[in-house]
Amino acid sequence: MPIWDTDSICIALGLDVSCISNFTGVSINTEAINAGGIFIGIKGKNVDGGIFWGKALEKGAALCIVNQDIEAHGDNIIKVQNTHDALIKLAEYKRNHCFKNVKVLGVTGSVGKTTIKNIISELTSKLYNVHFSKGNFNNHYGMPLSLANCPNDADLCILEMGMSASGEISFLSKIAKPDIAIISCIAPAHLAQFNSIEEIARAKAEIIDGMNDGGYVILNADDEYSKFIRQLIETRFNILTFGKKGDFKIEKYEFDGSKTKITLNLLGQKRDFLLNGFISEHLAENILCAFAAIYAAQYEIDESFIDRISASHGRGHIIKTPSGAHIIDDSYNASPLSVKAAIKGLSVYAKQLSLRSIAILGDMKELGKDSESMHREIAQQLILNNIDFLFTIGELMEFTHSEVITRFHNKNLIALHFQEMDSLINTISGFLSNGDVALVKGSNSMKMHKIVDYLSMHK
């Protein structure tokens, strides 16, 4: 089924389109063009993407939308005042005029957005036609692009919404108009752009700005800012909660070394699930959140998910190295909340498999004026969970290292700090053995994936 037709494009953009066609989708990247697709040349800070219209046509694009000052011509070229505005118009038209039975679910929060989105897809995609944003397409380009590419006959459209400043999620919500909204948690991420965590909570709560009254909002009952968000929501929406105190809660969690057993209480109904491999308690909470969202959508759960669900690459995925060591690849990003949860997971995994536990940590970025204290707090979590070795890199993680050395010098945790990635990789590669499990985690800009890439390829 085509994603777009000529008439819809004409109406959405208020322009005449000379080429008559059905279009396979929308892309802002020539490398992602499908034959018969629409290419939108977005103007960036340094380069106007419209200059690649020729390459897009060579790749099979049936229509190119470019800014007016681009030198291009042909029946399959449309010139507009602003290509980003054109993308927004397509997304808005899709949402307002093409969806008949599609339920739109928006996901935001300081931690877990992409994981929750992926889990909801795993739990529903065998029973329903599910469309969801790829990767972390969650900004003012990626989310509208994901919405514009949703098939008209989808049952569920899952859209991730991220932010770096106040007002951004409100902008996205008013385009997507979600029927169901998830706020996974509020944590001190992006504090460099905000004055307080309360400001972050208020900005995340903007996801309700585009919702119609009567929709569902899913909140983390264990998050101290859920009460604050409830006050912002008032009585306009139905609220479901997940967590230890939630409507949906984990009654029992156990990892036996090969399988993970979780008992979920779903609005008073208890369900046991036995999942393959290691599912961290934090990932189990994300599964719980997904259950709440699917309940709100009034859809069924595909029970076969227990054979497929696992942590994705960069978000807790476990790798066995050629040397026999275990790597918990959580290298995609980091915040104080997610690092503490990852350390707890490392401890559980190491204990059940009788392995040495090694934390390899890089800086947590964008924490603002409290960066030092938040990095120092990580030391206590390491000690509480009896981690054996700590390897750190970055200016901020030096505070964690220092805290371990000065405050916990009489504990068994051995800590080393590094200034250069190559030095850290060389040391780690010679240190790890088949009796070890290492957690690799840090903010994306720290490029901690380089450690995982190297260790997964070398003995």
Protein backbone atom coordinates (compact mmCIF):
# COMPACT_ATOMS: atom_id res chain seq x y z
CA MET A 1 0.00 0.00 0.00
CA PRO A 2 1.45 3.41 -0.95
CA ILE A 3 2.26 5.82 1.87
CA TRP A 4 1.27 8.91 -0.17
CA ASP A 5 -0.55 9.76 -3.38
CA THR A 6 -0.37 12.85 -5.57
CA ASP A 7 -3.70 14.32 -4.45
CA SER A 8 -2.73 14.12 -0.77
CA ILE A 9 0.63 15.76 -1.45
CA CYS A 10 -1.08 18.61 -3.34
CA ILE A 11 -3.59 19.21 -0.55
CA ALA A 12 -1.02 18.92 2.25
CA LEU A 13 1.38 21.41 0.66
CA GLY A 14 -1.17 23.60 -1.10
CA LEU A 15 0.71 23.16 -4.38
CA ASP A 16 0.26 21.48 -7.74
CA VAL A 17 2.35 18.36 -8.30
CA SER A 18 3.02 17.66 -11.96
CA CYS A 19 4.09 14.02 -11.63
CA ILE A 20 1.24 11.57 -11.08
CA SER A 21 2.30 8.78 -8.77
CA ASN A 22 1.81 6.81 -5.63
CA PHE A 23 4.77 7.29 -3.30
CA THR A 24 6.47 4.66 -1.17
CA GLY A 25 7.54 6.94 1.65
CA VAL A 26 9.34 10.10 2.70
CA SER A 27 13.06 10.56 3.37
CA ILE A 28 15.39 13.43 4.23
CA ASN A 29 18.47 11.30 3.55
CA THR A 30 19.41 10.21 0.03
CA GLU A 31 20.97 7.04 1.45
CA ALA A 32 17.57 6.00 2.82
CA ILE A 33 15.54 6.68 -0.36
CA ASN A 34 13.31 3.87 -1.59
CA ALA A 35 12.36 3.60 -5.24
CA GLY A 36 9.26 5.71 -5.72
CA GLY A 37 9.85 7.72 -2.57
CA ILE A 38 9.71 11.43 -1.75
CA PHE A 39 12.97 13.21 -0.93
CA ILE A 40 12.82 16.39 1.18
CA GLY A 41 16.00 18.46 1.12
CA ILE A 42 16.24 19.90 4.64
CA LYS A 43 18.35 23.04 5.00
CA GLY A 44 20.86 22.61 7.81
CA LYS A 45 23.28 25.02 9.45
CA ASN A 46 26.05 24.31 6.97
CA VAL A 47 24.48 22.54 3.98
CA ASP A 48 21.12 22.74 2.22
CA GLY A 49 20.09 19.13 1.63
CA GLY A 50 18.22 20.22 -1.46
CA ILE A 51 21.47 20.29 -3.45
CA PHE A 52 21.33 16.48 -3.43
CA TRP A 53 18.13 16.35 -5.50
CA GLY A 54 20.02 14.82 -8.42
CA LYS A 55 21.43 12.04 -6.26
CA ALA A 56 17.95 11.40 -4.84
CA LEU A 57 16.54 10.97 -8.36
CA GLU A 58 19.39 8.59 -9.23
CA LYS A 59 18.50 6.57 -6.13
CA GLY A 60 14.92 6.21 -7.41
CA ALA A 61 13.06 9.14 -5.81
CA ALA A 62 9.82 9.91 -7.62
CA LEU A 63 9.54 13.43 -6.15
CA CYS A 64 11.99 15.94 -4.67
CA ILE A 65 10.93 18.82 -2.45
CA VAL A 66 13.60 21.55 -2.24
CA ASN A 67 13.92 25.13 -1.10
CA GLN A 68 13.19 27.87 -3.62
CA ASP A 69 16.79 28.97 -4.07
CA ILE A 70 17.99 25.52 -5.16
CA GLU A 71 18.84 25.27 -8.88
CA ALA A 72 16.67 22.34 -9.89
CA HIS A 73 14.01 21.76 -12.51
CA GLY A 74 11.65 19.03 -13.77
CA ASP A 75 8.16 17.66 -13.29
CA ASN A 76 9.29 15.74 -10.25
CA ILE A 77 10.77 18.80 -8.48
CA ILE A 78 8.71 20.96 -6.09
CA LYS A 79 10.14 24.21 -4.75
CA VAL A 80 8.85 25.49 -1.42
CA GLN A 81 9.67 28.39 0.88
CA ASN A 82 10.87 26.12 3.70
CA THR A 83 11.44 22.37 3.43
CA HIS A 84 11.16 21.77 7.18
CA ASP A 85 7.73 23.39 7.09
CA ALA A 86 6.84 21.10 4.19
CA LEU A 87 7.81 18.06 6.27
CA ILE A 88 5.65 19.33 9.14
CA LYS A 89 2.70 19.86 6.79
CA LEU A 90 2.97 16.30 5.51
CA ALA A 91 3.06 14.95 9.08
CA GLU A 92 0.08 17.07 10.11
CA TYR A 93 -1.93 16.08 7.06
CA LYS A 94 -1.17 12.42 7.70
CA ARG A 95 -2.36 12.71 11.31
CA ASN A 96 -5.43 14.85 10.65
CA HIS A 97 -6.79 13.41 7.41
CA CYS A 98 -5.39 9.94 6.71
CA PHE A 99 -5.85 8.04 9.98
CA LYS A 100 -9.20 6.36 10.54
CA ASN A 101 -8.48 3.69 13.14
CA VAL A 102 -4.83 4.41 13.92
CA LYS A 103 -4.03 4.92 17.60
CA VAL A 104 -1.06 7.22 18.16
CA LEU A 105 1.17 6.57 21.16
CA GLY A 106 3.77 9.15 22.18
CA VAL A 107 6.75 8.16 24.34
CA THR A 108 8.96 10.57 26.25
CA GLY A 109 10.98 10.58 29.46
CA SER A 110 14.55 11.07 30.65
CA VAL A 111 15.45 7.38 30.35
CA GLY A 112 14.10 4.42 28.41
CA LYS A 113 12.19 6.04 25.53
CA THR A 114 13.66 3.96 22.73
CA THR A 115 13.62 0.73 24.74
CA ILE A 116 9.96 1.13 25.71
CA LYS A 117 9.03 1.96 22.11
CA ASN A 118 10.80 -1.18 20.88
CA ILE A 119 9.22 -3.38 23.55
CA ILE A 120 5.70 -2.18 22.70
CA SER A 121 6.40 -3.10 19.10
CA GLU A 122 7.64 -6.56 20.11
CA LEU A 123 4.53 -7.15 22.22
CA THR A 124 2.07 -6.17 19.49
CA SER A 125 3.55 -6.43 15.98
CA LYS A 126 2.56 -10.05 15.35
CA LEU A 127 -1.08 -9.30 16.10
CA TYR A 128 -1.41 -5.78 14.68
CA ASN A 129 -0.04 -3.51 11.98
CA VAL A 130 2.41 -1.47 14.05
CA HIS A 131 4.46 1.49 12.81
CA PHE A 132 7.14 3.02 15.00
CA SER A 133 9.94 5.54 14.66
CA LYS A 134 13.26 3.96 13.74
CA GLY A 135 16.33 4.37 15.92
CA ASN A 136 16.02 7.52 17.99
CA PHE A 137 14.09 9.62 15.44
CA ASN A 138 12.65 11.79 18.18
CA ASN A 139 13.49 15.43 17.34
CA HIS A 140 11.82 18.12 15.21
CA TYR A 141 12.98 16.33 12.05
CA GLY A 142 12.83 12.67 13.04
CA MET A 143 9.41 12.50 14.70
CA PRO A 144 7.48 14.29 11.91
CA LEU A 145 9.34 12.10 9.40
CA SER A 146 8.24 8.97 11.27
CA LEU A 147 4.65 10.20 11.37
CA ALA A 148 4.68 11.10 7.67
CA ASN A 149 5.79 7.54 6.90
CA CYS A 150 3.03 5.81 8.85
CA PRO A 151 0.78 3.65 6.63
CA ASN A 152 -2.84 4.76 6.60
CA ASP A 153 -4.01 1.26 7.53
CA ALA A 154 -1.78 0.92 10.62
CA ASP A 155 -3.37 -0.05 13.92
CA LEU A 156 -0.76 1.59 16.14
CA CYS A 157 1.75 4.38 15.49
CA ILE A 158 4.45 4.71 18.18
CA LEU A 159 6.37 7.98 18.18
CA GLU A 160 9.35 8.85 20.37
CA MET A 161 9.65 12.47 21.53
CA GLY A 162 12.93 13.87 22.81
CA MET A 163 14.02 17.33 23.79
CA SER A 164 16.93 19.54 24.72
CA ALA A 165 14.89 22.64 25.63
CA SER A 166 11.49 23.70 26.87
CA GLY A 167 8.77 23.86 24.22
CA GLU A 168 10.20 21.16 21.94
CA ILE A 169 7.95 18.33 23.12
CA SER A 170 4.92 20.64 23.01
CA PHE A 171 5.75 21.33 19.36
CA LEU A 172 5.96 17.61 18.59
CA SER A 173 2.84 16.73 20.58
CA LYS A 174 0.72 19.24 18.69
CA ILE A 175 1.79 17.58 15.43
CA ALA A 176 1.31 13.99 16.61
CA LYS A 177 -1.81 14.50 18.78
CA PRO A 178 -1.20 11.29 20.74
CA ASP A 179 -4.11 9.24 22.03
CA ILE A 180 -1.81 7.73 24.66
CA ALA A 181 1.27 9.35 26.21
CA ILE A 182 4.05 7.73 28.21
CA ILE A 183 6.38 9.69 30.50
CA SER A 184 8.87 6.97 31.48
CA CYS A 185 10.62 8.90 34.25
CA ILE A 186 12.10 12.27 35.16
CA ALA A 187 15.84 12.37 35.79
CA PRO A 188 18.66 14.94 35.74
CA ALA A 189 19.40 14.67 32.01
CA HIS A 190 19.89 17.91 30.02
CA LEU A 191 20.28 19.86 33.28
CA ALA A 192 22.78 22.07 31.48
CA GLN A 193 19.79 23.53 29.57
CA PHE A 194 17.43 23.71 32.57
CA ASN A 195 17.53 25.34 35.98
CA SER A 196 16.02 22.41 37.88
CA ILE A 197 14.69 18.86 37.53
CA GLU A 198 11.21 20.33 38.07
CA GLU A 199 11.70 22.32 34.87
CA ILE A 200 12.60 19.07 33.09
CA ALA A 201 9.41 17.47 34.45
CA ARG A 202 7.34 20.39 33.19
CA ALA A 203 8.97 20.13 29.76
CA LYS A 204 8.35 16.36 29.55
CA ALA A 205 4.73 16.92 30.58
CA GLU A 206 4.31 19.01 27.41
CA ILE A 207 3.53 15.71 25.69
CA ILE A 208 -0.09 16.25 26.77
CA ASP A 209 -0.33 19.59 24.91
CA GLY A 210 -1.56 18.00 21.68
CA MET A 211 -3.79 15.37 23.27
CA ASN A 212 -7.55 15.35 23.20
CA ASP A 213 -9.32 15.16 26.56
CA GLY A 214 -10.02 11.60 27.66
CA GLY A 215 -6.74 10.13 26.44
CA TYR A 216 -4.44 8.01 28.60
CA VAL A 217 -1.23 9.16 30.28
CA ILE A 218 1.17 6.50 31.60
CA LEU A 219 3.31 7.64 34.55
CA ASN A 220 6.07 6.08 36.64
CA ALA A 221 4.57 5.71 40.13
CA ASP A 222 8.02 5.46 41.71
CA ASP A 223 9.20 8.74 40.22
CA GLU A 224 9.11 11.57 42.74
CA TYR A 225 7.95 13.98 40.03
CA SER A 226 4.86 11.96 39.05
CA LYS A 227 2.78 13.84 41.62
CA PHE A 228 3.91 17.14 40.12
CA ILE A 229 2.97 15.94 36.63
CA ARG A 230 -0.42 14.78 37.89
CA GLN A 231 -1.11 18.33 39.03
CA LEU A 232 -0.31 19.61 35.54
CA ILE A 233 -2.61 17.02 33.96
CA GLU A 234 -5.48 17.67 36.40
CA THR A 235 -8.61 15.73 35.38
CA ARG A 236 -8.39 15.99 31.60
CA PHE A 237 -6.91 12.55 31.06
CA ASN A 238 -7.05 8.98 32.35
CA ILE A 239 -3.91 8.07 34.28
CA LEU A 240 -2.30 4.64 34.60
CA THR A 241 0.85 4.08 36.63
CA PHE A 242 3.62 1.48 36.64
CA GLY A 243 6.30 0.69 39.21
CA LYS A 244 6.50 -0.67 42.73
CA LYS A 245 3.55 1.52 43.78
CA GLY A 246 1.74 1.48 40.44
CA ASP A 247 -1.39 0.02 38.89
CA PHE A 248 1.03 -2.24 37.02
CA LYS A 249 3.81 -3.56 39.24
CA ILE A 250 6.53 -6.21 39.52
CA GLU A 251 5.66 -8.65 42.31
CA LYS A 252 8.75 -10.82 41.90
CA TYR A 253 12.00 -10.61 39.96
CA GLU A 254 14.59 -13.39 39.75
CA PHE A 255 17.54 -14.22 37.47
CA ASP A 256 18.85 -17.77 37.89
CA GLY A 257 21.88 -17.49 35.63
CA SER A 258 20.16 -18.57 32.43
CA LYS A 259 16.56 -17.32 32.55
CA THR A 260 14.72 -14.42 34.14
CA LYS A 261 11.43 -14.96 35.94
CA ILE A 262 9.17 -12.00 36.56
CA THR A 263 5.76 -11.96 38.21
CA LEU A 264 3.70 -8.97 37.12
CA ASN A 265 0.62 -7.60 38.85
CA LEU A 266 -1.50 -6.09 36.09
CA LEU A 267 -4.35 -4.17 37.70
CA GLY A 268 -4.69 -6.94 40.29
CA GLN A 269 -4.17 -9.84 37.89
CA LYS A 270 -0.91 -11.72 38.49
CA ARG A 271 1.01 -13.14 35.53
CA ASP A 272 4.25 -15.14 35.51
CA PHE A 273 6.72 -14.80 32.63
CA LEU A 274 9.91 -16.79 32.09
CA LEU A 275 12.22 -14.95 29.69
CA ASN A 276 15.33 -16.25 27.99
CA GLY A 277 18.67 -14.93 29.20
CA PHE A 278 19.29 -11.95 31.43
CA ILE A 279 16.60 -9.30 31.67
CA SER A 280 17.66 -6.58 34.12
CA GLU A 281 15.14 -5.35 36.64
CA HIS A 282 15.26 -1.98 34.90
CA LEU A 283 14.35 -3.62 31.57
CA ALA A 284 11.58 -5.54 33.34
CA GLU A 285 10.16 -2.19 34.49
CA ASN A 286 10.16 -1.04 30.86
CA ILE A 287 8.21 -4.18 29.94
CA LEU A 288 5.76 -3.27 32.69
CA CYS A 289 5.35 0.22 31.22
CA ALA A 290 4.69 -1.32 27.80
CA PHE A 291 1.95 -3.52 29.27
CA ALA A 292 0.24 -0.44 30.71
CA ALA A 293 0.35 1.36 27.35
CA ILE A 294 -1.05 -1.63 25.45
CA TYR A 295 -3.84 -1.94 28.01
CA ALA A 296 -4.66 1.74 27.43
CA ALA A 297 -4.79 1.09 23.68
CA GLN A 298 -7.17 -1.85 24.35
CA TYR A 299 -4.96 -4.24 22.41
CA GLU A 300 -3.89 -7.79 23.17
CA ILE A 301 -0.38 -8.89 24.13
CA ASP A 302 1.43 -11.33 21.85
CA GLU A 303 2.48 -13.98 24.39
CA SER A 304 5.32 -15.20 22.16
CA PHE A 305 7.26 -12.05 23.07
CA ILE A 306 9.01 -14.00 25.84
CA ASP A 307 11.08 -15.78 23.18
CA ARG A 308 12.18 -12.53 21.52
CA ILE A 309 12.48 -9.82 24.12
CA SER A 310 16.03 -8.76 24.98
CA ALA A 311 18.07 -5.66 25.49
CA SER A 312 19.07 -3.97 22.23
CA HIS A 313 22.62 -3.08 21.19
CA GLY A 314 24.03 -0.22 23.24
CA ARG A 315 21.19 -0.51 25.75
CA GLY A 316 22.17 -3.49 27.90
CA HIS A 317 22.81 -6.09 25.20
CA ILE A 318 25.12 -8.91 26.37
CA ILE A 319 28.06 -9.93 24.19
CA LYS A 320 30.45 -12.85 24.66
CA THR A 321 33.98 -11.82 23.65
CA PRO A 322 36.53 -14.11 21.93
CA SER A 323 38.34 -14.32 25.27
CA GLY A 324 35.19 -15.67 26.91
CA ALA A 325 34.39 -12.55 28.93
CA HIS A 326 30.84 -11.20 29.11
CA ILE A 327 30.16 -7.59 28.08
CA ILE A 328 27.01 -5.71 29.06
CA ASP A 329 26.90 -3.18 26.23
CA ASP A 330 25.07 -0.16 27.67
CA SER A 331 27.28 2.27 25.75
CA TYR A 332 24.60 4.30 23.97
CA ASN A 333 24.02 6.92 26.66
CA ALA A 334 24.13 7.61 30.39
CA SER A 335 22.46 9.57 33.16
CA PRO A 336 22.77 9.16 36.95
CA LEU A 337 19.56 7.12 37.09
CA SER A 338 20.47 4.79 34.23
CA VAL A 339 24.06 4.30 35.44
CA LYS A 340 22.87 3.30 38.91
CA ALA A 341 20.35 0.87 37.41
CA ALA A 342 23.05 -0.59 35.13
CA ILE A 343 25.43 -1.11 38.08
CA LYS A 344 22.69 -2.99 39.94
CA GLY A 345 22.14 -5.17 36.88
CA LEU A 346 25.87 -5.84 36.62
CA SER A 347 25.91 -7.00 40.22
CA VAL A 348 22.96 -9.38 39.76
CA TYR A 349 24.46 -10.89 36.61
CA ALA A 350 27.92 -11.34 38.12
CA LYS A 351 26.60 -12.93 41.31
CA GLN A 352 24.41 -15.50 39.55
CA LEU A 353 27.18 -16.55 37.15
CA SER A 354 29.99 -16.31 39.75
CA LEU A 355 31.95 -13.78 37.68
CA ARG A 356 34.18 -10.86 38.58
CA SER A 357 32.24 -7.63 38.11
CA ILE A 358 33.90 -4.77 36.23
CA ALA A 359 32.36 -1.34 35.63
CA ILE A 360 33.84 0.64 32.71
CA LEU A 361 32.30 4.09 32.94
CA GLY A 362 32.58 7.30 30.91
CA ASP A 363 31.34 10.80 31.70
CA MET A 364 27.63 11.56 32.09
CA LYS A 365 27.17 14.77 30.12
CA GLU A 366 24.74 17.74 30.26
CA LEU A 367 24.20 17.62 34.04
CA GLY A 368 24.93 21.30 34.63
CA LYS A 369 26.23 22.73 37.89
CA ASP A 370 25.65 19.52 39.86
CA SER A 371 27.80 17.36 37.56
CA GLU A 372 30.53 16.81 40.16
CA SER A 373 28.22 15.70 42.97
CA MET A 374 26.23 13.41 40.67
CA HIS A 375 29.40 11.70 39.50
CA ARG A 376 30.59 11.32 43.08
CA GLU A 377 27.27 9.65 44.00
CA ILE A 378 28.03 6.82 41.59
CA ALA A 379 30.82 5.63 43.89
CA GLN A 380 28.38 4.67 46.63
CA GLN A 381 26.27 2.64 44.17
CA LEU A 382 29.39 0.73 43.13
CA ILE A 383 30.21 -0.08 46.75
CA LEU A 384 26.63 -1.04 47.67
CA ASN A 385 26.56 -3.52 44.80
CA ASN A 386 29.98 -5.03 45.60
CA ILE A 387 31.54 -4.26 42.23
CA ASP A 388 35.08 -5.65 42.03
CA PHE A 389 36.82 -3.30 39.57
CA LEU A 390 36.19 0.21 38.25
CA PHE A 391 37.76 1.65 35.10
CA THR A 392 36.81 5.26 34.36
CA ILE A 393 37.53 7.76 31.59
CA GLY A 394 36.74 11.46 31.25
CA GLU A 395 37.10 14.62 33.30
CA LEU A 396 33.83 14.06 35.16
CA MET A 397 34.31 10.37 35.91
CA GLU A 398 37.54 11.35 37.64
CA PHE A 399 35.28 12.56 40.46
CA THR A 400 33.81 9.06 40.74
CA HIS A 401 37.30 7.60 40.80
CA SER A 402 38.42 10.11 43.42
CA GLU A 403 35.39 9.37 45.61
CA VAL A 404 36.15 5.65 45.54
CA ILE A 405 39.81 6.25 46.43
CA THR A 406 39.25 8.78 49.22
CA ARG A 407 35.99 7.66 50.84
CA PHE A 408 35.96 3.93 50.17
CA HIS A 409 39.67 3.11 50.24
CA ASN A 410 39.12 0.32 52.75
CA LYS A 411 36.63 -1.48 50.54
CA ASN A 412 37.49 -4.18 48.01
CA LEU A 413 36.77 -2.07 44.92
CA ILE A 414 39.91 -1.52 42.82
CA ALA A 415 39.75 1.63 40.69
CA LEU A 416 41.82 2.97 37.78
CA HIS A 417 41.26 6.20 35.86
CA PHE A 418 42.31 6.93 32.27
CA GLN A 419 42.71 10.11 30.24
CA GLU A 420 42.85 8.46 26.80
CA MET A 421 40.57 5.88 25.17
CA ASP A 422 43.42 3.91 23.58
CA SER A 423 45.12 3.48 26.93
CA LEU A 424 41.87 2.29 28.53
CA ILE A 425 41.18 -0.18 25.71
CA ASN A 426 44.73 -1.60 25.86
CA THR A 427 44.49 -2.09 29.61
CA ILE A 428 41.02 -3.64 29.53
CA SER A 429 41.83 -5.99 26.66
CA GLY A 430 44.76 -7.41 28.60
CA PHE A 431 42.78 -7.61 31.82
CA LEU A 432 39.50 -9.31 30.87
CA SER A 433 39.24 -13.08 31.07
CA ASN A 434 36.53 -15.70 30.73
CA GLY A 435 35.68 -15.26 34.40
CA ASP A 436 34.63 -11.63 34.02
CA VAL A 437 31.59 -9.57 33.18
CA ALA A 438 32.14 -5.92 32.25
CA LEU A 439 29.55 -3.16 32.04
CA VAL A 440 30.38 -0.46 29.47
CA LYS A 441 28.42 2.75 29.91
CA GLY A 442 28.78 6.48 29.29
CA SER A 443 27.22 9.39 27.44
CA ASN A 444 27.08 9.06 23.68
CA SER A 445 29.72 11.73 23.14
CA MET A 446 32.21 9.62 25.12
CA LYS A 447 32.16 7.01 22.31
CA MET A 448 32.19 4.11 24.76
CA HIS A 449 31.05 1.88 21.90
CA LYS A 450 34.70 1.83 20.78
CA ILE A 451 35.50 -0.29 23.82
CA VAL A 452 32.69 -2.72 23.00
CA ASP A 453 33.68 -2.87 19.33
CA TYR A 454 37.29 -3.68 20.18
CA LEU A 455 36.59 -6.24 22.90
CA SER A 456 34.02 -8.07 20.76
CA MET A 457 36.62 -8.57 18.02
CA HIS A 458 39.86 -9.30 19.91
CA LYS A 459 41.04 -11.80 22.48
